[in-house]
Structures are given as structure tokens and as C-alpha cells.
N, C-alpha and C. Protein backbone atom coordinates (compact mmCIF):
# COMPACT_ATOMS: atom_id res chain seq x y z
N MET A 1 22.49 16.09 40.16
CA MET A 1 21.16 16.44 39.70
C MET A 1 21.21 17.09 38.32
N LYS A 2 22.19 17.98 38.09
CA LYS A 2 22.30 18.64 36.79
C LYS A 2 22.61 17.63 35.70
N LYS A 3 23.45 16.63 36.00
CA LYS A 3 23.78 15.61 35.01
C LYS A 3 22.54 14.80 34.66
N LEU A 4 21.73 14.48 35.64
CA LEU A 4 20.52 13.71 35.41
C LEU A 4 19.54 14.50 34.53
N LEU A 5 19.38 15.78 34.83
CA LEU A 5 18.50 16.64 34.05
C LEU A 5 19.02 16.75 32.61
N LEU A 6 20.32 16.90 32.43
CA LEU A 6 20.91 16.99 31.10
C LEU A 6 20.69 15.69 30.34
N PHE A 7 20.83 14.55 31.02
CA PHE A 7 20.61 13.25 30.39
C PHE A 7 19.17 13.15 29.87
N TYR A 8 18.19 13.51 30.69
CA TYR A 8 16.79 13.45 30.28
C TYR A 8 16.50 14.41 29.14
N LEU A 9 17.10 15.59 29.17
CA LEU A 9 16.90 16.58 28.11
C LEU A 9 17.48 16.06 26.79
N LEU A 10 18.67 15.50 26.82
CA LEU A 10 19.29 14.96 25.61
C LEU A 10 18.51 13.77 25.07
N THR A 11 18.00 12.93 25.96
CA THR A 11 17.19 11.78 25.54
C THR A 11 15.92 12.26 24.86
N ALA A 12 15.27 13.24 25.41
CA ALA A 12 14.04 13.78 24.82
C ALA A 12 14.32 14.43 23.47
N MET A 13 15.43 15.16 23.36
CA MET A 13 15.79 15.81 22.10
C MET A 13 16.11 14.77 21.03
N SER A 14 16.80 13.71 21.37
CA SER A 14 17.13 12.68 20.38
C SER A 14 15.88 11.94 19.93
N ALA A 15 14.93 11.77 20.81
CA ALA A 15 13.67 11.13 20.43
C ALA A 15 12.90 11.99 19.44
N LEU A 16 12.93 13.30 19.63
CA LEU A 16 12.25 14.21 18.71
C LEU A 16 12.96 14.25 17.36
N ALA A 17 14.27 14.13 17.37
CA ALA A 17 15.04 14.21 16.13
C ALA A 17 14.99 12.91 15.34
N ALA A 18 14.66 11.82 15.97
CA ALA A 18 14.62 10.53 15.28
C ALA A 18 13.58 10.54 14.18
N GLU A 19 13.90 9.89 13.07
CA GLU A 19 12.94 9.80 11.98
C GLU A 19 11.82 8.84 12.38
N LEU A 20 10.61 9.26 12.13
CA LEU A 20 9.46 8.42 12.40
C LEU A 20 9.16 7.57 11.18
N ASN A 21 8.72 6.35 11.41
CA ASN A 21 8.41 5.42 10.34
C ASN A 21 7.11 4.70 10.65
N PHE A 22 6.56 4.09 9.64
CA PHE A 22 5.33 3.33 9.81
C PHE A 22 5.53 2.12 10.72
N SER A 23 6.71 1.51 10.64
CA SER A 23 6.98 0.32 11.44
C SER A 23 7.07 0.61 12.94
N SER A 24 7.24 1.87 13.31
CA SER A 24 7.34 2.21 14.73
C SER A 24 5.99 2.62 15.32
N MET A 25 4.93 2.52 14.53
CA MET A 25 3.60 2.91 15.02
C MET A 25 3.13 1.95 16.09
N GLU A 26 2.40 2.49 17.06
CA GLU A 26 1.78 1.69 18.11
C GLU A 26 0.27 1.80 17.97
N ASN A 27 -0.45 0.91 18.64
CA ASN A 27 -1.91 0.94 18.58
C ASN A 27 -2.43 2.34 18.92
N GLY A 28 -3.34 2.84 18.11
CA GLY A 28 -3.90 4.17 18.31
C GLY A 28 -3.19 5.27 17.53
N ASP A 29 -2.01 4.96 16.97
CA ASP A 29 -1.27 5.94 16.17
C ASP A 29 -1.84 5.98 14.76
N ARG A 30 -1.66 7.14 14.10
CA ARG A 30 -2.04 7.25 12.70
C ARG A 30 -1.11 8.24 12.01
N VAL A 31 -1.01 8.09 10.71
CA VAL A 31 -0.22 8.98 9.89
C VAL A 31 -1.11 9.43 8.74
N GLU A 32 -1.25 10.74 8.59
CA GLU A 32 -2.02 11.30 7.47
C GLU A 32 -1.04 11.80 6.42
N ILE A 33 -1.31 11.45 5.16
CA ILE A 33 -0.41 11.78 4.07
C ILE A 33 -1.17 12.57 3.01
N THR A 34 -0.62 13.71 2.62
CA THR A 34 -1.12 14.47 1.48
C THR A 34 -0.03 14.40 0.42
N LEU A 35 -0.35 13.78 -0.71
CA LEU A 35 0.61 13.58 -1.79
C LEU A 35 0.18 14.43 -2.97
N GLN A 36 1.08 15.29 -3.43
CA GLN A 36 0.74 16.19 -4.52
C GLN A 36 1.79 16.06 -5.62
N ALA A 37 1.32 15.90 -6.86
CA ALA A 37 2.20 15.85 -8.03
C ALA A 37 1.85 17.02 -8.94
N LYS A 38 2.84 17.86 -9.21
CA LYS A 38 2.64 19.03 -10.09
C LYS A 38 3.73 19.03 -11.13
N GLY A 39 3.30 19.21 -12.38
CA GLY A 39 4.26 19.28 -13.46
C GLY A 39 3.59 19.77 -14.72
N CYS A 40 4.28 19.62 -15.85
CA CYS A 40 3.75 20.10 -17.13
C CYS A 40 2.44 19.41 -17.51
N PHE A 41 2.31 18.15 -17.16
CA PHE A 41 1.15 17.38 -17.62
C PHE A 41 0.27 16.86 -16.49
N GLN A 42 0.51 17.30 -15.29
CA GLN A 42 -0.32 16.83 -14.18
C GLN A 42 -0.36 17.82 -13.04
N ASP A 43 -1.47 17.75 -12.33
CA ASP A 43 -1.66 18.53 -11.11
C ASP A 43 -2.69 17.76 -10.30
N ALA A 44 -2.22 16.88 -9.45
CA ALA A 44 -3.12 15.99 -8.70
C ALA A 44 -2.72 15.95 -7.24
N THR A 45 -3.72 15.84 -6.39
CA THR A 45 -3.49 15.72 -4.95
C THR A 45 -4.28 14.51 -4.45
N SER A 46 -3.64 13.70 -3.63
CA SER A 46 -4.27 12.51 -3.05
C SER A 46 -4.10 12.53 -1.55
N TYR A 47 -5.06 11.93 -0.86
CA TYR A 47 -5.07 11.92 0.60
C TYR A 47 -5.17 10.48 1.11
N TYR A 48 -4.29 10.15 2.04
CA TYR A 48 -4.23 8.80 2.59
C TYR A 48 -4.05 8.85 4.11
N GLU A 49 -4.32 7.71 4.72
CA GLU A 49 -4.07 7.56 6.15
C GLU A 49 -3.60 6.13 6.40
N VAL A 50 -2.62 5.99 7.27
CA VAL A 50 -2.20 4.69 7.77
C VAL A 50 -2.40 4.74 9.27
N ARG A 51 -3.12 3.77 9.80
CA ARG A 51 -3.38 3.74 11.24
C ARG A 51 -3.14 2.33 11.75
N LYS A 52 -2.83 2.27 13.05
CA LYS A 52 -2.61 0.99 13.69
C LYS A 52 -3.67 0.79 14.76
N SER A 53 -4.33 -0.36 14.69
CA SER A 53 -5.39 -0.69 15.62
C SER A 53 -5.37 -2.19 15.88
N ASP A 54 -5.42 -2.58 17.13
CA ASP A 54 -5.42 -4.00 17.51
C ASP A 54 -4.28 -4.77 16.87
N GLY A 55 -3.11 -4.14 16.79
CA GLY A 55 -1.91 -4.80 16.29
C GLY A 55 -1.80 -4.86 14.78
N ALA A 56 -2.79 -4.35 14.05
CA ALA A 56 -2.76 -4.38 12.59
C ALA A 56 -2.73 -2.96 12.04
N CYS A 57 -2.11 -2.80 10.87
CA CYS A 57 -2.07 -1.50 10.21
C CYS A 57 -3.03 -1.50 9.03
N PHE A 58 -3.71 -0.37 8.86
CA PHE A 58 -4.71 -0.21 7.81
C PHE A 58 -4.38 1.02 6.98
N PHE A 59 -4.60 0.89 5.67
CA PHE A 59 -4.40 1.98 4.71
C PHE A 59 -5.77 2.43 4.22
N THR A 60 -6.01 3.75 4.25
CA THR A 60 -7.27 4.30 3.78
C THR A 60 -6.98 5.40 2.77
N GLN A 61 -7.72 5.40 1.67
CA GLN A 61 -7.65 6.48 0.70
C GLN A 61 -8.93 7.31 0.84
N TYR A 62 -8.77 8.64 0.76
CA TYR A 62 -9.89 9.56 0.93
C TYR A 62 -10.08 10.44 -0.30
N ALA A 63 -11.34 10.84 -0.52
CA ALA A 63 -11.67 11.92 -1.45
C ALA A 63 -12.01 13.12 -0.58
N ILE A 64 -11.37 14.22 -0.82
CA ILE A 64 -11.55 15.42 -0.02
C ILE A 64 -12.24 16.50 -0.87
N THR A 65 -13.22 17.14 -0.28
CA THR A 65 -13.87 18.28 -0.92
C THR A 65 -13.54 19.53 -0.11
N TRP A 66 -13.13 20.57 -0.82
CA TRP A 66 -12.75 21.84 -0.18
C TRP A 66 -13.74 22.92 -0.60
N ASP A 67 -13.97 23.88 0.28
CA ASP A 67 -14.77 25.03 -0.11
C ASP A 67 -13.86 26.06 -0.79
N LYS A 68 -14.43 27.14 -1.24
CA LYS A 68 -13.66 28.14 -2.00
C LYS A 68 -13.16 29.30 -1.14
N SER A 69 -13.28 29.19 0.17
CA SER A 69 -12.84 30.28 1.04
C SER A 69 -11.31 30.34 1.08
N VAL A 70 -10.81 31.46 1.60
CA VAL A 70 -9.36 31.62 1.78
C VAL A 70 -9.10 31.86 3.25
N PRO A 71 -8.38 30.99 3.94
CA PRO A 71 -7.88 29.71 3.42
C PRO A 71 -9.02 28.71 3.26
N ALA A 72 -8.83 27.79 2.33
CA ALA A 72 -9.85 26.78 2.04
C ALA A 72 -10.08 25.90 3.26
N LYS A 73 -11.31 25.47 3.42
CA LYS A 73 -11.67 24.58 4.52
C LYS A 73 -12.23 23.29 3.95
N MET A 74 -11.90 22.18 4.59
CA MET A 74 -12.40 20.89 4.17
C MET A 74 -13.89 20.80 4.50
N THR A 75 -14.69 20.46 3.50
CA THR A 75 -16.13 20.32 3.73
C THR A 75 -16.57 18.87 3.78
N GLU A 76 -15.78 17.97 3.17
CA GLU A 76 -16.14 16.55 3.18
C GLU A 76 -14.88 15.69 3.07
N LYS A 77 -14.86 14.62 3.82
CA LYS A 77 -13.76 13.65 3.78
C LYS A 77 -14.42 12.28 3.64
N LYS A 78 -14.40 11.76 2.42
CA LYS A 78 -15.12 10.52 2.10
C LYS A 78 -14.12 9.38 1.86
N VAL A 79 -14.38 8.25 2.50
CA VAL A 79 -13.52 7.08 2.33
C VAL A 79 -13.75 6.48 0.95
N ILE A 80 -12.67 6.32 0.20
CA ILE A 80 -12.73 5.65 -1.11
C ILE A 80 -12.55 4.16 -0.90
N GLY A 81 -11.63 3.78 -0.03
CA GLY A 81 -11.39 2.37 0.24
C GLY A 81 -10.38 2.19 1.35
N GLU A 82 -10.36 0.98 1.89
CA GLU A 82 -9.45 0.66 2.99
C GLU A 82 -8.97 -0.77 2.83
N LEU A 83 -7.72 -1.01 3.20
CA LEU A 83 -7.19 -2.37 3.20
C LEU A 83 -6.21 -2.56 4.35
N GLN A 84 -6.09 -3.80 4.77
CA GLN A 84 -5.14 -4.13 5.83
C GLN A 84 -3.77 -4.34 5.20
N LEU A 85 -2.76 -3.75 5.81
CA LEU A 85 -1.40 -3.83 5.30
C LEU A 85 -0.67 -5.04 5.86
N THR A 86 0.21 -5.60 5.06
CA THR A 86 1.07 -6.71 5.49
C THR A 86 2.34 -6.13 6.09
N PRO A 87 3.11 -6.93 6.82
CA PRO A 87 4.41 -6.45 7.29
C PRO A 87 5.32 -6.00 6.14
N GLY A 88 5.23 -6.67 4.99
CA GLY A 88 6.00 -6.25 3.81
C GLY A 88 5.58 -4.89 3.30
N ASP A 89 4.26 -4.62 3.35
CA ASP A 89 3.76 -3.29 2.96
C ASP A 89 4.33 -2.21 3.86
N ILE A 90 4.33 -2.47 5.16
CA ILE A 90 4.84 -1.49 6.13
C ILE A 90 6.32 -1.21 5.87
N ASN A 91 7.10 -2.27 5.63
CA ASN A 91 8.52 -2.08 5.32
C ASN A 91 8.70 -1.30 4.02
N GLY A 92 7.83 -1.58 3.04
CA GLY A 92 7.89 -0.86 1.77
C GLY A 92 7.56 0.61 1.92
N LEU A 93 6.60 0.93 2.79
CA LEU A 93 6.27 2.33 3.05
C LEU A 93 7.41 3.03 3.79
N ASP A 94 8.06 2.33 4.71
CA ASP A 94 9.24 2.90 5.38
C ASP A 94 10.33 3.19 4.34
N SER A 95 10.52 2.29 3.39
CA SER A 95 11.52 2.51 2.34
C SER A 95 11.14 3.69 1.45
N LEU A 96 9.83 3.87 1.22
CA LEU A 96 9.36 5.02 0.45
C LEU A 96 9.70 6.33 1.17
N LEU A 97 9.48 6.37 2.49
CA LEU A 97 9.86 7.55 3.26
C LEU A 97 11.37 7.78 3.17
N GLY A 98 12.15 6.71 3.27
CA GLY A 98 13.60 6.82 3.15
C GLY A 98 14.01 7.39 1.79
N TYR A 99 13.33 6.95 0.74
CA TYR A 99 13.60 7.47 -0.60
C TYR A 99 13.31 8.98 -0.66
N PHE A 100 12.16 9.40 -0.15
CA PHE A 100 11.81 10.81 -0.17
C PHE A 100 12.78 11.64 0.66
N ARG A 101 13.31 11.07 1.73
CA ARG A 101 14.23 11.80 2.60
C ARG A 101 15.64 11.88 2.01
N SER A 102 15.95 11.06 1.02
CA SER A 102 17.31 10.97 0.49
C SER A 102 17.56 12.01 -0.60
N LYS A 103 18.83 12.23 -0.88
CA LYS A 103 19.24 13.15 -1.94
C LYS A 103 19.13 12.41 -3.27
N LYS A 104 18.63 13.11 -4.28
CA LYS A 104 18.47 12.53 -5.62
C LYS A 104 19.49 13.14 -6.57
N ASP A 105 19.89 12.37 -7.56
CA ASP A 105 20.87 12.85 -8.54
C ASP A 105 20.22 13.37 -9.81
N THR A 106 18.93 13.13 -10.00
CA THR A 106 18.25 13.55 -11.22
C THR A 106 17.10 14.49 -10.87
N SER A 107 16.59 15.18 -11.89
CA SER A 107 15.42 16.02 -11.67
C SER A 107 14.59 16.06 -12.95
N THR A 108 13.30 16.37 -12.78
CA THR A 108 12.37 16.51 -13.90
C THR A 108 11.55 17.77 -13.66
N THR A 109 10.59 18.01 -14.55
CA THR A 109 9.72 19.16 -14.38
C THR A 109 8.56 18.85 -13.43
N THR A 110 8.46 17.61 -12.99
CA THR A 110 7.39 17.23 -12.06
C THR A 110 7.92 17.24 -10.63
N LEU A 111 7.20 17.91 -9.77
CA LEU A 111 7.55 17.95 -8.35
C LEU A 111 6.51 17.14 -7.59
N ILE A 112 6.97 16.16 -6.86
CA ILE A 112 6.07 15.37 -6.00
C ILE A 112 6.37 15.77 -4.57
N SER A 113 5.36 16.28 -3.90
CA SER A 113 5.55 16.67 -2.50
C SER A 113 4.63 15.82 -1.63
N MET A 114 5.12 15.53 -0.45
CA MET A 114 4.39 14.69 0.48
C MET A 114 4.44 15.34 1.85
N GLN A 115 3.27 15.66 2.38
CA GLN A 115 3.18 16.13 3.75
C GLN A 115 2.76 14.93 4.60
N VAL A 116 3.56 14.63 5.60
CA VAL A 116 3.33 13.47 6.46
C VAL A 116 3.08 14.00 7.87
N GLU A 117 1.87 13.74 8.38
CA GLU A 117 1.49 14.21 9.71
C GLU A 117 1.36 13.00 10.63
N TYR A 118 2.14 13.00 11.71
CA TYR A 118 2.17 11.89 12.65
C TYR A 118 1.30 12.23 13.87
N TYR A 119 0.45 11.27 14.25
CA TYR A 119 -0.43 11.44 15.40
C TYR A 119 -0.25 10.28 16.38
N GLU A 120 -0.17 10.62 17.64
CA GLU A 120 -0.17 9.62 18.72
C GLU A 120 -1.34 9.94 19.62
N GLY A 121 -2.23 8.98 19.79
CA GLY A 121 -3.37 9.18 20.68
C GLY A 121 -4.21 10.39 20.32
N GLY A 122 -4.38 10.66 19.04
CA GLY A 122 -5.19 11.78 18.60
C GLY A 122 -4.50 13.12 18.62
N ARG A 123 -3.24 13.16 19.06
CA ARG A 123 -2.49 14.42 19.17
C ARG A 123 -1.39 14.43 18.12
N GLN A 124 -1.34 15.49 17.31
CA GLN A 124 -0.30 15.61 16.31
C GLN A 124 1.04 15.82 17.00
N ILE A 125 2.02 14.96 16.66
CA ILE A 125 3.34 15.07 17.29
C ILE A 125 4.41 15.59 16.34
N ARG A 126 4.13 15.51 15.01
CA ARG A 126 5.16 15.94 14.07
C ARG A 126 4.56 16.07 12.67
N VAL A 127 5.12 16.99 11.91
CA VAL A 127 4.77 17.15 10.50
C VAL A 127 6.07 17.17 9.71
N GLU A 128 6.11 16.38 8.66
CA GLU A 128 7.29 16.32 7.81
C GLU A 128 6.86 16.68 6.39
N ASN A 129 7.57 17.60 5.75
CA ASN A 129 7.30 17.98 4.37
C ASN A 129 8.46 17.48 3.51
N LEU A 130 8.16 16.54 2.62
CA LEU A 130 9.18 15.90 1.81
C LEU A 130 8.92 16.21 0.34
N GLU A 131 9.98 16.29 -0.46
CA GLU A 131 9.84 16.57 -1.88
C GLU A 131 10.72 15.64 -2.71
N ASP A 132 10.25 15.38 -3.93
CA ASP A 132 11.00 14.58 -4.89
C ASP A 132 10.88 15.23 -6.25
N GLU A 133 11.98 15.73 -6.77
CA GLU A 133 12.00 16.33 -8.10
C GLU A 133 12.58 15.37 -9.13
N SER A 134 12.82 14.12 -8.74
CA SER A 134 13.46 13.17 -9.65
C SER A 134 12.46 12.48 -10.58
N GLY A 135 11.19 12.69 -10.36
CA GLY A 135 10.19 12.00 -11.17
C GLY A 135 10.01 10.55 -10.77
N GLY A 136 10.68 10.14 -9.71
CA GLY A 136 10.55 8.78 -9.22
C GLY A 136 11.23 7.73 -10.08
N PHE A 137 12.12 8.17 -10.99
CA PHE A 137 12.75 7.20 -11.89
C PHE A 137 13.56 6.15 -11.13
N ASP A 138 14.21 6.54 -10.06
CA ASP A 138 15.00 5.58 -9.28
C ASP A 138 14.12 4.55 -8.58
N LEU A 139 12.86 4.89 -8.37
CA LEU A 139 11.96 3.96 -7.68
C LEU A 139 11.65 2.72 -8.50
N ARG A 140 11.69 2.84 -9.81
CA ARG A 140 11.34 1.71 -10.68
C ARG A 140 12.27 0.53 -10.48
N LYS A 141 13.51 0.81 -10.09
CA LYS A 141 14.51 -0.26 -9.89
C LYS A 141 14.41 -0.91 -8.52
N ARG A 142 13.73 -0.26 -7.60
CA ARG A 142 13.74 -0.71 -6.20
C ARG A 142 12.56 -1.62 -5.90
N LYS A 143 12.87 -2.80 -5.45
CA LYS A 143 11.84 -3.78 -5.09
C LYS A 143 11.43 -3.66 -3.63
N ASP A 144 12.19 -2.86 -2.85
CA ASP A 144 11.91 -2.72 -1.42
C ASP A 144 10.90 -1.62 -1.12
N VAL A 145 10.49 -0.86 -2.14
CA VAL A 145 9.59 0.28 -1.95
C VAL A 145 8.20 -0.08 -2.43
N ILE A 146 7.19 0.33 -1.67
CA ILE A 146 5.81 0.24 -2.14
C ILE A 146 5.26 1.66 -2.20
N SER A 147 4.57 1.95 -3.29
CA SER A 147 4.04 3.31 -3.48
C SER A 147 2.57 3.35 -3.05
N PHE A 148 2.10 4.55 -2.82
CA PHE A 148 0.68 4.72 -2.51
C PHE A 148 -0.17 4.34 -3.71
N HIS A 149 0.36 4.55 -4.91
CA HIS A 149 -0.35 4.14 -6.12
C HIS A 149 -0.58 2.62 -6.14
N GLU A 150 0.45 1.87 -5.76
CA GLU A 150 0.29 0.40 -5.71
C GLU A 150 -0.79 0.01 -4.71
N LEU A 151 -0.84 0.67 -3.58
CA LEU A 151 -1.86 0.36 -2.58
C LEU A 151 -3.26 0.71 -3.08
N THR A 152 -3.39 1.87 -3.76
CA THR A 152 -4.71 2.25 -4.26
C THR A 152 -5.16 1.32 -5.38
N GLU A 153 -4.22 0.77 -6.14
CA GLU A 153 -4.59 -0.21 -7.16
C GLU A 153 -5.19 -1.47 -6.52
N ARG A 154 -4.67 -1.86 -5.38
CA ARG A 154 -5.24 -3.01 -4.66
C ARG A 154 -6.67 -2.73 -4.21
N LEU A 155 -6.97 -1.47 -3.89
CA LEU A 155 -8.33 -1.12 -3.47
C LEU A 155 -9.32 -1.32 -4.61
N ARG A 156 -8.88 -1.21 -5.82
CA ARG A 156 -9.77 -1.33 -6.99
C ARG A 156 -10.05 -2.78 -7.36
N ARG A 157 -9.30 -3.70 -6.83
CA ARG A 157 -9.49 -5.13 -7.18
C ARG A 157 -10.63 -5.73 -6.43
């Protein structure tokens, strides 16, 4: 009995430790992303969501309005646009997460931070805070990565 309990405990712990990706999403799951770029010449925050419904994944960009209270509270969440993602887009977003999770050899004065909130069935299951101080220079060479900027550009077409 103790061995069985230990087996279940280890299985549950390894599931929690596993990296979550967009490709592992199931119907009803969603991922909320807050992307912030701060540096000498920029200070911008963007809000996105990727959700899976009826076997398809959708990308949504939001405009968020905050009040001036401390801590600030969201007063409005307005959809800017939405598009259906291809399997290639999903793989590219997984590669983007892999890039953010990896060690970088370069740095700049711009810090890009990404808060990734994972939800299953409306319940938050995990929050990941990722940072990139490399300025994304290594991303320019990679054809396997898709950025949120590329997705938002498609919304404008």
C-alpha cells in the first residue's frame, strides 16, 4: 500500500513539474499572457489569450484599462481582435516558450517579461514568470518561433 501511495504521489509531482505548452491544451483550457517590454526607449504592456474550443485554438489580443487604485484593478477588458491558430502557430508558440525558458548568452537594456497563466476548466492551475534580457536577437535567426507581435500583425490584415 505504501508503494502504491508513493507511486501516485511521484506521478502527481512529476505532472506538476512538467512544462506546460500550448500544444498540450485540451478543449476548455486557456492561457492568459501578459507581455511587458521595458527599456531605455520603450515601456509597453500587451495582453493576450490562447484558448482551445471544439478542437481549435484561438488567439485573442486585449486592450486593458486599469483604475488608479493601489493595487490597481482592471476596469475594462476589450477585445482588439481574434484569429484561429494553425498547428504551425501552436508549435511556434511552444518554441517561443522554450526560448523564454532557456539561458541566453547576450543581454541588452531592454527587459521583456512574460507572465503566463494556465487555466483548466476555468481554474488557474499554474503561473509562470519568464524573462528575456537578450533583446530577442537570437529569435531573428529562428524560423521555428512565432511571436505575439507576428500574430497581432495578422489581426490588422
